[in-house]
PDB file of all heavy atoms in Angstrom:
ATOM      1  N   CYS A   1    -200.387 104.878  21.253  1.00  0.00           N
ATOM      2  CA  CYS A   1    -199.502 103.799  20.722  1.00  0.00           C
ATOM      3  C   CYS A   1    -199.591 102.547  21.566  1.00  0.00           C
ATOM      4  O   CYS A   1    -199.746 102.587  22.775  1.00  0.00           O
ATOM      5  CB  CYS A   1    -198.086 104.309  20.779  1.00  0.00           C
ATOM      6  SG  CYS A   1    -197.731 105.515  19.476  1.00  0.00           S
ATOM      7  N   GLY A   2    -199.523 101.409  20.772  1.00  0.00           N
ATOM      8  CA  GLY A   2    -199.525 100.109  21.417  1.00  0.00           C
ATOM      9  C   GLY A   2    -198.115  99.679  21.758  1.00  0.00           C
ATOM     10  O   GLY A   2    -197.952  98.895  22.693  1.00  0.00           O
ATOM     11  N   PHE A   3    -197.124 100.142  20.978  1.00  0.00           N
ATOM     12  CA  PHE A   3    -195.696  99.735  21.191  1.00  0.00           C
ATOM     13  C   PHE A   3    -195.516  98.257  21.255  1.00  0.00           C
ATOM     14  O   PHE A   3    -194.622  97.693  21.938  1.00  0.00           O
ATOM     15  CB  PHE A   3    -195.140 100.367  22.509  1.00  0.00           C
ATOM     16  CG  PHE A   3    -195.112 101.844  22.463  1.00  0.00           C
ATOM     17  CD1 PHE A   3    -195.878 102.608  23.386  1.00  0.00           C
ATOM     18  CD2 PHE A   3    -194.320 102.497  21.518  1.00  0.00           C
ATOM     19  CE1 PHE A   3    -195.802 104.020  23.350  1.00  0.00           C
ATOM     20  CE2 PHE A   3    -194.229 103.939  21.536  1.00  0.00           C
ATOM     21  CZ  PHE A   3    -194.981 104.621  22.480  1.00  0.00           C
ATOM     22  N   PHE A   4    -196.409  97.498  20.603  1.00  0.00           N
ATOM     23  CA  PHE A   4    -196.300  96.027  20.540  1.00  0.00           C
ATOM     24  C   PHE A   4    -196.530  95.301  21.839  1.00  0.00           C
ATOM     25  O   PHE A   4    -196.404  94.115  21.876  1.00  0.00           O
ATOM     26  CB  PHE A   4    -194.941  95.599  19.928  1.00  0.00           C
ATOM     27  CG  PHE A   4    -194.655  96.146  18.585  1.00  0.00           C
ATOM     28  CD1 PHE A   4    -193.897  97.339  18.460  1.00  0.00           C
ATOM     29  CD2 PHE A   4    -195.092  95.547  17.432  1.00  0.00           C
ATOM     30  CE1 PHE A   4    -193.675  97.862  17.187  1.00  0.00           C
ATOM     31  CE2 PHE A   4    -194.874  96.030  16.158  1.00  0.00           C
ATOM     32  CZ  PHE A   4    -194.172  97.210  16.068  1.00  0.00           C
ATOM     33  N   ILE A   5    -196.822  96.057  22.875  1.00  0.00           N
ATOM     34  CA  ILE A   5    -196.996  95.350  24.226  1.00  0.00           C
ATOM     35  C   ILE A   5    -198.397  95.626  24.778  1.00  0.00           C
ATOM     36  O   ILE A   5    -198.700  95.137  25.885  1.00  0.00           O
ATOM     37  CB  ILE A   5    -195.917  95.869  25.173  1.00  0.00           C
ATOM     38  CG1 ILE A   5    -195.996  97.415  25.332  1.00  0.00           C
ATOM     39  CG2 ILE A   5    -194.528  95.453  24.734  1.00  0.00           C
ATOM     40  CD1 ILE A   5    -195.014  97.956  26.415  1.00  0.00           C
ATOM     41  N   ARG A   6    -199.200  96.478  24.204  1.00  0.00           N
ATOM     42  CA  ARG A   6    -200.526  96.804  24.741  1.00  0.00           C
ATOM     43  C   ARG A   6    -201.428  97.122  23.604  1.00  0.00           C
ATOM     44  O   ARG A   6    -201.065  97.290  22.468  1.00  0.00           O
ATOM     45  CB  ARG A   6    -200.476  97.916  25.744  1.00  0.00           C
ATOM     46  CG  ARG A   6    -200.069  99.246  25.072  1.00  0.00           C
ATOM     47  CD  ARG A   6    -199.961 100.336  26.114  1.00  0.00           C
ATOM     48  NE  ARG A   6    -199.688 101.608  25.492  1.00  0.00           N
ATOM     49  CZ  ARG A   6    -199.546 102.786  26.127  1.00  0.00           C
ATOM     50  NH1 ARG A   6    -199.735 102.840  27.449  1.00  0.00           N
ATOM     51  NH2 ARG A   6    -199.352 103.911  25.431  1.00  0.00           N
ATOM     52  N   LYS A   7    -202.736  97.100  23.907  1.00  0.00           N
ATOM     53  CA  LYS A   7    -203.741  97.508  22.841  1.00  0.00           C
ATOM     54  C   LYS A   7    -203.579  98.972  22.609  1.00  0.00           C
ATOM     55  O   LYS A   7    -203.326  99.848  23.448  1.00  0.00           O
ATOM     56  CB  LYS A   7    -205.167  97.244  23.448  1.00  0.00           C
ATOM     57  CG  LYS A   7    -205.457  95.784  23.516  1.00  0.00           C
ATOM     58  CD  LYS A   7    -206.814  95.612  24.264  1.00  0.00           C
ATOM     59  CE  LYS A   7    -207.964  96.152  23.465  1.00  0.00           C
ATOM     60  NZ  LYS A   7    -209.289  95.915  24.124  1.00  0.00           N
ATOM     61  N   ALA A   8    -203.680  99.322  21.275  1.00  0.00           N
ATOM     62  CA  ALA A   8    -203.675 100.716  20.917  1.00  0.00           C
ATOM     63  C   ALA A   8    -204.946 101.363  21.410  1.00  0.00           C
ATOM     64  O   ALA A   8    -206.003 100.727  21.502  1.00  0.00           O
ATOM     65  CB  ALA A   8    -203.581 100.899  19.420  1.00  0.00           C
ATOM     66  N   LEU A   9    -204.873 102.627  21.755  1.00  0.00           N
ATOM     67  CA  LEU A   9    -206.057 103.401  22.162  1.00  0.00           C
ATOM     68  C   LEU A   9    -206.626 104.123  20.986  1.00  0.00           C
ATOM     69  O   LEU A   9    -205.970 104.980  20.388  1.00  0.00           O
ATOM     70  CB  LEU A   9    -205.654 104.438  23.261  1.00  0.00           C
ATOM     71  CG  LEU A   9    -206.759 105.406  23.701  1.00  0.00           C
ATOM     72  CD1 LEU A   9    -207.898 104.594  24.414  1.00  0.00           C
ATOM     73  CD2 LEU A   9    -206.213 106.406  24.687  1.00  0.00           C
ATOM     74  N   ARG A  10    -207.788 103.745  20.551  1.00  0.00           N
ATOM     75  CA  ARG A  10    -208.451 104.386  19.447  1.00  0.00           C
ATOM     76  C   ARG A  10    -208.701 105.845  19.816  1.00  0.00           C
ATOM     77  O   ARG A  10    -209.391 106.108  20.801  1.00  0.00           O
ATOM     78  CB  ARG A  10    -209.766 103.711  19.110  1.00  0.00           C
ATOM     79  CG  ARG A  10    -209.594 102.517  18.154  1.00  0.00           C
ATOM     80  CD  ARG A  10    -210.920 102.029  17.642  1.00  0.00           C
ATOM     81  NE  ARG A  10    -211.708 101.415  18.750  1.00  0.00           N
ATOM     82  CZ  ARG A  10    -212.959 101.199  18.645  1.00  0.00           C
ATOM     83  NH1 ARG A  10    -213.654 101.517  17.566  1.00  0.00           N
ATOM     84  NH2 ARG A  10    -213.640 100.568  19.634  1.00  0.00           N
ATOM     85  N   THR A  11    -208.154 106.793  19.050  1.00  0.00           N
ATOM     86  CA  THR A  11    -208.186 108.213  19.364  1.00  0.00           C
ATOM     87  C   THR A  11    -208.572 109.042  18.177  1.00  0.00           C
ATOM     88  O   THR A  11    -208.011 108.871  17.052  1.00  0.00           O
ATOM     89  CB  THR A  11    -206.817 108.646  19.887  1.00  0.00           C
ATOM     90  OG1 THR A  11    -206.408 107.778  20.956  1.00  0.00           O
ATOM     91  CG2 THR A  11    -206.821 110.108  20.360  1.00  0.00           C
ATOM     92  N   SER A  12    -209.551 109.899  18.327  1.00  0.00           N
ATOM     93  CA  SER A  12    -209.992 110.823  17.263  1.00  0.00           C
ATOM     94  C   SER A  12    -209.797 112.244  17.749  1.00  0.00           C
ATOM     95  O   SER A  12    -210.371 112.662  18.785  1.00  0.00           O
ATOM     96  CB  SER A  12    -211.453 110.573  16.965  1.00  0.00           C
ATOM     97  OG  SER A  12    -211.876 111.408  15.930  1.00  0.00           O
ATOM     98  N   LEU A  13    -208.850 112.977  17.116  1.00  0.00           N
ATOM     99  CA  LEU A  13    -208.419 114.328  17.604  1.00  0.00           C
ATOM    100  C   LEU A  13    -209.079 115.430  16.730  1.00  0.00           C
ATOM    101  O   LEU A  13    -209.252 115.234  15.514  1.00  0.00           O
ATOM    102  CB  LEU A  13    -206.938 114.439  17.604  1.00  0.00           C
ATOM    103  CG  LEU A  13    -206.194 113.587  18.645  1.00  0.00           C
ATOM    104  CD1 LEU A  13    -204.680 113.874  18.563  1.00  0.00           C
ATOM    105  CD2 LEU A  13    -206.700 113.803  20.028  1.00  0.00           C
ATOM    106  N   LEU A  14    -209.200 116.553  17.328  1.00  0.00           N
ATOM    107  CA  LEU A  14    -209.641 117.811  16.596  1.00  0.00           C
ATOM    108  C   LEU A  14    -208.455 118.657  16.414  1.00  0.00           C
ATOM    109  O   LEU A  14    -207.698 118.942  17.354  1.00  0.00           O
ATOM    110  CB  LEU A  14    -210.674 118.555  17.451  1.00  0.00           C
ATOM    111  CG  LEU A  14    -211.761 117.740  18.169  1.00  0.00           C
ATOM    112  CD1 LEU A  14    -212.665 118.688  18.901  1.00  0.00           C
ATOM    113  CD2 LEU A  14    -212.500 116.849  17.222  1.00  0.00           C
ATOM    114  N   VAL A  15    -208.212 119.184  15.262  1.00  0.00           N
ATOM    115  CA  VAL A  15    -208.884 118.938  14.068  1.00  0.00           C
ATOM    116  C   VAL A  15    -207.827 119.141  12.946  1.00  0.00           C
ATOM    117  O   VAL A  15    -206.943 119.954  13.104  1.00  0.00           O
ATOM    118  CB  VAL A  15    -210.079 119.897  13.884  1.00  0.00           C
ATOM    119  CG1 VAL A  15    -209.711 121.345  13.895  1.00  0.00           C
ATOM    120  CG2 VAL A  15    -210.862 119.608  12.583  1.00  0.00           C
ATOM    121  N   ALA A  16    -207.909 118.384  11.893  1.00  0.00           N
ATOM    122  CA  ALA A  16    -207.017 118.589  10.725  1.00  0.00           C
ATOM    123  C   ALA A  16    -207.641 119.615   9.766  1.00  0.00           C
ATOM    124  O   ALA A  16    -208.623 119.263   9.180  1.00  0.00           O
ATOM    125  CB  ALA A  16    -206.676 117.287   9.985  1.00  0.00           C
ATOM    126  N   ALA A  17    -207.046 120.738   9.657  1.00  0.00           N
ATOM    127  CA  ALA A  17    -207.594 121.817   8.797  1.00  0.00           C
ATOM    128  C   ALA A  17    -206.498 122.501   8.044  1.00  0.00           C
ATOM    129  O   ALA A  17    -205.352 122.642   8.625  1.00  0.00           O
ATOM    130  CB  ALA A  17    -208.419 122.796   9.589  1.00  0.00           C
ATOM    131  N   ASP A  18    -206.697 122.958   6.852  1.00  0.00           N
ATOM    132  CA  ASP A  18    -205.754 123.785   6.160  1.00  0.00           C
ATOM    133  C   ASP A  18    -205.964 125.215   6.594  1.00  0.00           C
ATOM    134  O   ASP A  18    -206.614 125.974   5.928  1.00  0.00           O
ATOM    135  CB  ASP A  18    -205.993 123.613   4.650  1.00  0.00           C
ATOM    136  CG  ASP A  18    -205.018 124.437   3.775  1.00  0.00           C
ATOM    137  OD1 ASP A  18    -203.914 124.712   4.269  1.00  0.00           O
ATOM    138  OD2 ASP A  18    -205.401 124.815   2.644  1.00  0.00           O
ATOM    139  N   SER A  19    -205.361 125.559   7.715  1.00  0.00           N
ATOM    140  CA  SER A  19    -205.641 126.847   8.344  1.00  0.00           C
ATOM    141  C   SER A  19    -204.801 127.969   7.711  1.00  0.00           C
ATOM    142  O   SER A  19    -203.596 127.757   7.345  1.00  0.00           O
ATOM    143  CB  SER A  19    -205.297 126.827   9.814  1.00  0.00           C
ATOM    144  OG  SER A  19    -205.396 128.054  10.379  1.00  0.00           O
ATOM    145  N   LYS A  20    -205.388 129.122   7.560  1.00  0.00           N
ATOM    146  CA  LYS A  20    -204.695 130.329   7.038  1.00  0.00           C
ATOM    147  C   LYS A  20    -203.677 130.805   7.996  1.00  0.00           C
ATOM    148  O   LYS A  20    -202.759 131.548   7.666  1.00  0.00           O
ATOM    149  CB  LYS A  20    -205.674 131.408   6.662  1.00  0.00           C
ATOM    150  CG  LYS A  20    -206.646 131.138   5.565  1.00  0.00           C
ATOM    151  CD  LYS A  20    -207.569 132.353   5.313  1.00  0.00           C
ATOM    152  CE  LYS A  20    -208.477 132.188   4.148  1.00  0.00           C
ATOM    153  NZ  LYS A  20    -209.398 133.304   3.911  1.00  0.00           N
ATOM    154  N   ALA A  21    -203.804 130.411   9.317  1.00  0.00           N
ATOM    155  CA  ALA A  21    -202.974 130.997  10.409  1.00  0.00           C
ATOM    156  C   ALA A  21    -201.729 130.203  10.657  1.00  0.00           C
ATOM    157  O   ALA A  21    -200.901 130.657  11.468  1.00  0.00           O
ATOM    158  CB  ALA A  21    -203.809 131.081  11.662  1.00  0.00           C
ATOM    159  N   VAL A  22    -201.496 129.136   9.909  1.00  0.00           N
ATOM    160  CA  VAL A  22    -200.241 128.398  10.155  1.00  0.00           C
ATOM    161  C   VAL A  22    -199.518 128.164   8.837  1.00  0.00           C
ATOM    162  O   VAL A  22    -200.118 128.359   7.775  1.00  0.00           O
ATOM    163  CB  VAL A  22    -200.639 126.975  10.763  1.00  0.00           C
ATOM    164  CG1 VAL A  22    -201.308 127.132  12.143  1.00  0.00           C
ATOM    165  CG2 VAL A  22    -201.462 126.122   9.818  1.00  0.00           C
ATOM    166  N   PRO A  23    -198.314 127.762   8.881  1.00  0.00           N
ATOM    167  CA  PRO A  23    -197.585 127.526   7.592  1.00  0.00           C
ATOM    168  C   PRO A  23    -198.295 126.518   6.739  1.00  0.00           C
ATOM    169  O   PRO A  23    -199.015 125.558   7.217  1.00  0.00           O
ATOM    170  CB  PRO A  23    -196.235 126.893   8.077  1.00  0.00           C
ATOM    171  CG  PRO A  23    -196.024 127.493   9.482  1.00  0.00           C
ATOM    172  CD  PRO A  23    -197.375 127.625  10.072  1.00  0.00           C
ATOM    173  N   SER A  24    -198.221 126.729   5.457  1.00  0.00           N
ATOM    174  CA  SER A  24    -199.085 125.998   4.511  1.00  0.00           C
ATOM    175  C   SER A  24    -198.942 124.496   4.486  1.00  0.00           C
ATOM    176  O   SER A  24    -199.864 123.762   4.131  1.00  0.00           O
ATOM    177  CB  SER A  24    -198.824 126.528   3.088  1.00  0.00           C
ATOM    178  OG  SER A  24    -197.474 126.292   2.695  1.00  0.00           O
ATOM    179  N   GLY A  25    -197.828 124.002   4.938  1.00  0.00           N
ATOM    180  CA  GLY A  25    -197.631 122.516   4.964  1.00  0.00           C
ATOM    181  C   GLY A  25    -197.963 121.841   6.242  1.00  0.00           C
ATOM    182  O   GLY A  25    -197.780 120.614   6.397  1.00  0.00           O
ATOM    183  N   THR A  26    -198.522 122.630   7.222  1.00  0.00           N
ATOM    184  CA  THR A  26    -198.811 122.050   8.550  1.00  0.00           C
ATOM    185  C   THR A  26    -199.727 120.838   8.510  1.00  0.00           C
ATOM    186  O   THR A  26    -199.460 119.847   9.177  1.00  0.00           O
ATOM    187  CB  THR A  26    -199.334 123.102   9.443  1.00  0.00           C
ATOM    188  OG1 THR A  26    -198.426 124.206   9.538  1.00  0.00           O
ATOM    189  CG2 THR A  26    -199.600 122.546  10.876  1.00  0.00           C
ATOM    190  N   VAL A  27    -200.810 120.940   7.725  1.00  0.00           N
ATOM    191  CA  VAL A  27    -201.712 119.842   7.726  1.00  0.00           C
ATOM    192  C   VAL A  27    -201.147 118.548   7.175  1.00  0.00           C
ATOM    193  O   VAL A  27    -201.442 117.437   7.648  1.00  0.00           O
ATOM    194  CB  VAL A  27    -203.030 120.203   6.931  1.00  0.00           C
ATOM    195  CG1 VAL A  27    -202.739 120.413   5.426  1.00  0.00           C
ATOM    196  CG2 VAL A  27    -204.168 119.208   7.164  1.00  0.00           C
ATOM    197  N   PHE A  28    -200.266 118.695   6.196  1.00  0.00           N
ATOM    198  CA  PHE A  28    -199.517 117.506   5.667  1.00  0.00           C
ATOM    199  C   PHE A  28    -198.582 116.877   6.744  1.00  0.00           C
ATOM    200  O   PHE A  28    -198.507 115.668   6.838  1.00  0.00           O
ATOM    201  CB  PHE A  28    -198.750 117.829   4.436  1.00  0.00           C
ATOM    202  CG  PHE A  28    -199.639 118.292   3.313  1.00  0.00           C
ATOM    203  CD1 PHE A  28    -199.657 119.686   2.941  1.00  0.00           C
ATOM    204  CD2 PHE A  28    -200.456 117.455   2.574  1.00  0.00           C
ATOM    205  CE1 PHE A  28    -200.431 120.149   1.898  1.00  0.00           C
ATOM    206  CE2 PHE A  28    -201.211 117.914   1.516  1.00  0.00           C
ATOM    207  CZ  PHE A  28    -201.261 119.287   1.208  1.00  0.00           C
ATOM    208  N   ALA A  29    -197.943 117.748   7.524  1.00  0.00           N
ATOM    209  CA  ALA A  29    -197.068 117.203   8.591  1.00  0.00           C
ATOM    210  C   ALA A  29    -197.834 116.558   9.641  1.00  0.00           C
ATOM    211  O   ALA A  29    -197.487 115.457  10.106  1.00  0.00           O
ATOM    212  CB  ALA A  29    -196.279 118.437   9.185  1.00  0.00           C
ATOM    213  N   LEU A  30    -199.027 117.077  10.052  1.00  0.00           N
ATOM    214  CA  LEU A  30    -199.860 116.374  10.998  1.00  0.00           C
ATOM    215  C   LEU A  30    -200.292 115.082  10.522  1.00  0.00           C
ATOM    216  O   LEU A  30    -200.174 114.030  11.303  1.00  0.00           O
ATOM    217  CB  LEU A  30    -201.090 117.269  11.314  1.00  0.00           C
ATOM    218  CG  LEU A  30    -200.906 118.551  12.100  1.00  0.00           C
ATOM    219  CD1 LEU A  30    -202.188 119.353  12.194  1.00  0.00           C
ATOM    220  CD2 LEU A  30    -200.366 118.220  13.508  1.00  0.00           C
ATOM    221  N   LEU A  31    -200.763 114.969   9.305  1.00  0.00           N
ATOM    222  CA  LEU A  31    -201.230 113.696   8.761  1.00  0.00           C
ATOM    223  C   LEU A  31    -200.118 112.704   8.631  1.00  0.00           C
ATOM    224  O   LEU A  31    -200.253 111.481   8.889  1.00  0.00           O
ATOM    225  CB  LEU A  31    -201.993 113.890   7.508  1.00  0.00           C
ATOM    226  CG  LEU A  31    -203.340 114.676   7.598  1.00  0.00           C
ATOM    227  CD1 LEU A  31    -203.909 114.988   6.231  1.00  0.00           C
ATOM    228  CD2 LEU A  31    -204.364 113.928   8.445  1.00  0.00           C
ATOM    229  N   GLY A  32    -198.966 113.191   8.071  1.00  0.00           N
ATOM    230  CA  GLY A  32    -197.842 112.359   7.869  1.00  0.00           C
ATOM    231  C   GLY A  32    -197.294 111.720   9.145  1.00  0.00           C
ATOM    232  O   GLY A  32    -197.001 110.557   9.192  1.00  0.00           O
ATOM    233  N   GLY A  33    -197.216 112.594  10.184  1.00  0.00           N
ATOM    234  CA  GLY A  33    -196.724 112.117  11.509  1.00  0.00           C
ATOM    235  C   GLY A  33    -197.602 111.073  12.069  1.00  0.00           C
ATOM    236  O   GLY A  33    -197.144 110.028  12.608  1.00  0.00           O
ATOM    237  N   VAL A  34    -198.914 111.272  12.046  1.00  0.00           N
ATOM    238  CA  VAL A  34    -199.870 110.236  12.619  1.00  0.00           C
ATOM    239  C   VAL A  34    -199.852 109.011  11.755  1.00  0.00           C
ATOM    240  O   VAL A  34    -199.864 107.922  12.287  1.00  0.00           O
ATOM    241  CB  VAL A  34    -201.267 110.853  12.670  1.00  0.00           C
ATOM    242  CG1 VAL A  34    -202.317 109.764  12.998  1.00  0.00           C
ATOM    243  CG2 VAL A  34    -201.334 111.925  13.728  1.00  0.00           C
ATOM    244  N   GLY A  35    -199.740 109.176  10.401  1.00  0.00           N
ATOM    245  CA  GLY A  35    -199.666 107.990   9.575  1.00  0.00           C
ATOM    246  C   GLY A  35    -198.485 107.100   9.887  1.00  0.00           C
ATOM    247  O   GLY A  35    -198.585 105.913   9.892  1.00  0.00           O
ATOM    248  N   PHE A  36    -197.346 107.765  10.157  1.00  0.00           N
ATOM    249  CA  PHE A  36    -196.086 107.040  10.452  1.00  0.00           C
ATOM    250  C   PHE A  36    -196.285 106.278  11.796  1.00  0.00           C
ATOM    251  O   PHE A  36    -195.943 105.115  11.922  1.00  0.00           O
ATOM    252  CB  PHE A  36    -194.941 108.014  10.590  1.00  0.00           C
ATOM    253  CG  PHE A  36    -193.701 107.363  11.020  1.00  0.00           C
ATOM    254  CD1 PHE A  36    -192.843 106.678  10.152  1.00  0.00           C
ATOM    255  CD2 PHE A  36    -193.244 107.482  12.392  1.00  0.00           C
ATOM    256  CE1 PHE A  36    -191.697 106.091  10.629  1.00  0.00           C
ATOM    257  CE2 PHE A  36    -192.142 106.895  12.824  1.00  0.00           C
ATOM    258  CZ  PHE A  36    -191.317 106.166  11.991  1.00  0.00           C
ATOM    259  N   ALA A  37    -196.878 106.996  12.813  1.00  0.00           N
ATOM    260  CA  ALA A  37    -197.037 106.353  14.104  1.00  0.00           C
ATOM    261  C   ALA A  37    -198.053 105.217  14.036  1.00  0.00           C
ATOM    262  O   ALA A  37    -197.816 104.174  14.690  1.00  0.00           O
ATOM    263  CB  ALA A  37    -197.547 107.420  15.110  1.00  0.00           C
ATOM    264  N   ASN A  38    -199.070 105.355  13.212  1.00  0.00           N
ATOM    265  CA  ASN A  38    -200.035 104.243  13.131  1.00  0.00           C
ATOM    266  C   ASN A  38    -199.435 103.030  12.505  1.00  0.00           C
ATOM    267  O   ASN A  38    -199.707 101.868  12.846  1.00  0.00           O
ATOM    268  CB  ASN A  38    -201.241 104.730  12.288  1.00  0.00           C
ATOM    269  CG  ASN A  38    -202.149 105.681  13.016  1.00  0.00           C
ATOM    270  OD1 ASN A  38    -202.035 105.849  14.220  1.00  0.00           O
ATOM    271  ND2 ASN A  38    -203.056 106.308  12.306  1.00  0.00           N
ATOM    272  N   ARG A  39    -198.532 103.266  11.494  1.00  0.00           N
ATOM    273  CA  ARG A  39    -197.881 102.089  10.850  1.00  0.00           C
ATOM    274  C   ARG A  39    -196.758 101.487  11.689  1.00  0.00           C
ATOM    275  O   ARG A  39    -196.641 100.241  11.776  1.00  0.00           O
ATOM    276  CB  ARG A  39    -197.256 102.586   9.542  1.00  0.00           C
ATOM    277  CG  ARG A  39    -198.285 102.934   8.459  1.00  0.00           C
ATOM    278  CD  ARG A  39    -197.634 103.126   7.110  1.00  0.00           C
ATOM    279  NE  ARG A  39    -196.515 104.031   7.122  1.00  0.00           N
ATOM    280  CZ  ARG A  39    -196.565 105.387   6.993  1.00  0.00           C
ATOM    281  NH1 ARG A  39    -197.806 105.917   6.824  1.00  0.00           N
ATOM    282  NH2 ARG A  39    -195.497 106.129   7.049  1.00  0.00           N
ATOM    283  N   VAL A  40    -195.950 102.335  12.325  1.00  0.00           N
ATOM    284  CA  VAL A  40    -194.708 101.844  12.949  1.00  0.00           C
ATOM    285  C   VAL A  40    -194.834 101.601  14.440  1.00  0.00           C
ATOM    286  O   VAL A  40    -194.332 100.642  14.933  1.00  0.00           O
ATOM    287  CB  VAL A  40    -193.591 102.816  12.624  1.00  0.00           C
ATOM    288  CG1 VAL A  40    -192.255 102.311  13.318  1.00  0.00           C
ATOM    289  CG2 VAL A  40    -193.308 103.006  11.119  1.00  0.00           C
ATOM    290  N   LEU A  41    -195.572 102.506  15.120  1.00  0.00           N
ATOM    291  CA  LEU A  41    -195.617 102.454  16.557  1.00  0.00           C
ATOM    292  C   LEU A  41    -196.909 101.837  17.068  1.00  0.00           C
ATOM    293  O   LEU A  41    -197.186 101.717  18.255  1.00  0.00           O
ATOM    294  CB  LEU A  41    -195.452 103.826  17.135  1.00  0.00           C
ATOM    295  CG  LEU A  41    -194.162 104.603  16.825  1.00  0.00           C
ATOM    296  CD1 LEU A  41    -194.178 105.955  17.414  1.00  0.00           C
ATOM    297  CD2 LEU A  41    -192.970 103.796  17.266  1.00  0.00           C
ATOM    298  N   ARG A  42    -197.764 101.356  16.054  1.00  0.00           N
ATOM    299  CA  ARG A  42    -199.015 100.701  16.364  1.00  0.00           C
ATOM    300  C   ARG A  42    -199.996 101.588  17.144  1.00  0.00           C
ATOM    301  O   ARG A  42    -200.661 101.114  18.068  1.00  0.00           O
ATOM    302  CB  ARG A  42    -198.712  99.436  17.160  1.00  0.00           C
ATOM    303  CG  ARG A  42    -197.885  98.398  16.392  1.00  0.00           C
ATOM    304  CD  ARG A  42    -198.567  97.860  15.223  1.00  0.00           C
ATOM    305  NE  ARG A  42    -197.767  96.942  14.454  1.00  0.00           N
ATOM    306  CZ  ARG A  42    -197.751  95.590  14.701  1.00  0.00           C
ATOM    307  NH1 ARG A  42    -198.492  95.096  15.620  1.00  0.00           N
ATOM    308  NH2 ARG A  42    -196.967  94.817  13.968  1.00  0.00           N
ATOM    309  N   SER A  43    -199.955 102.874  16.824  1.00  0.00           N
ATOM    310  CA  SER A  43    -201.013 103.752  17.368  1.00  0.00           C
ATOM    311  C   SER A  43    -202.287 103.566  16.512  1.00  0.00           C
ATOM    312  O   SER A  43    -202.224 102.916  15.458  1.00  0.00           O
ATOM    313  CB  SER A  43    -200.582 105.191  17.419  1.00  0.00           C
ATOM    314  OG  SER A  43    -200.380 105.654  16.064  1.00  0.00           O
ATOM    315  N   ASN A  44    -203.382 104.079  17.011  1.00  0.00           N
ATOM    316  CA  ASN A  44    -204.646 104.045  16.220  1.00  0.00           C
ATOM    317  C   ASN A  44    -205.294 105.413  16.388  1.00  0.00           C
ATOM    318  O   ASN A  44    -206.275 105.582  17.122  1.00  0.00           O
ATOM    319  CB  ASN A  44    -205.570 102.943  16.762  1.00  0.00           C
ATOM    320  CG  ASN A  44    -206.752 102.760  15.855  1.00  0.00           C
ATOM    321  OD1 ASN A  44    -206.938 103.437  14.842  1.00  0.00           O
ATOM    322  ND2 ASN A  44    -207.577 101.764  16.171  1.00  0.00           N
ATOM    323  N   LEU A  45    -204.719 106.419  15.699  1.00  0.00           N
ATOM    324  CA  LEU A  45    -205.108 107.758  15.921  1.00  0.00           C
ATOM    325  C   LEU A  45    -205.526 108.403  14.551  1.00  0.00           C
ATOM    326  O   LEU A  45    -204.888 108.165  13.535  1.00  0.00           O
ATOM    327  CB  LEU A  45    -203.950 108.569  16.482  1.00  0.00           C
ATOM    328  CG  LEU A  45    -204.202 109.993  16.983  1.00  0.00           C
ATOM    329  CD1 LEU A  45    -203.299 110.296  18.205  1.00  0.00           C
ATOM    330  CD2 LEU A  45    -204.026 111.027  15.892  1.00  0.00           C
TER     331      LEU A  45
END
């Protein structure tokens, strides 16, 4: 996150997958959370 006071750190994380071992909506939660942070908190993840 940049938080409007610093440069965002470009970050690429492993891994978004529709895993059989986790609740079925987990991948949507992961993507939604990061999408919110990228828009609002100025992250670049």
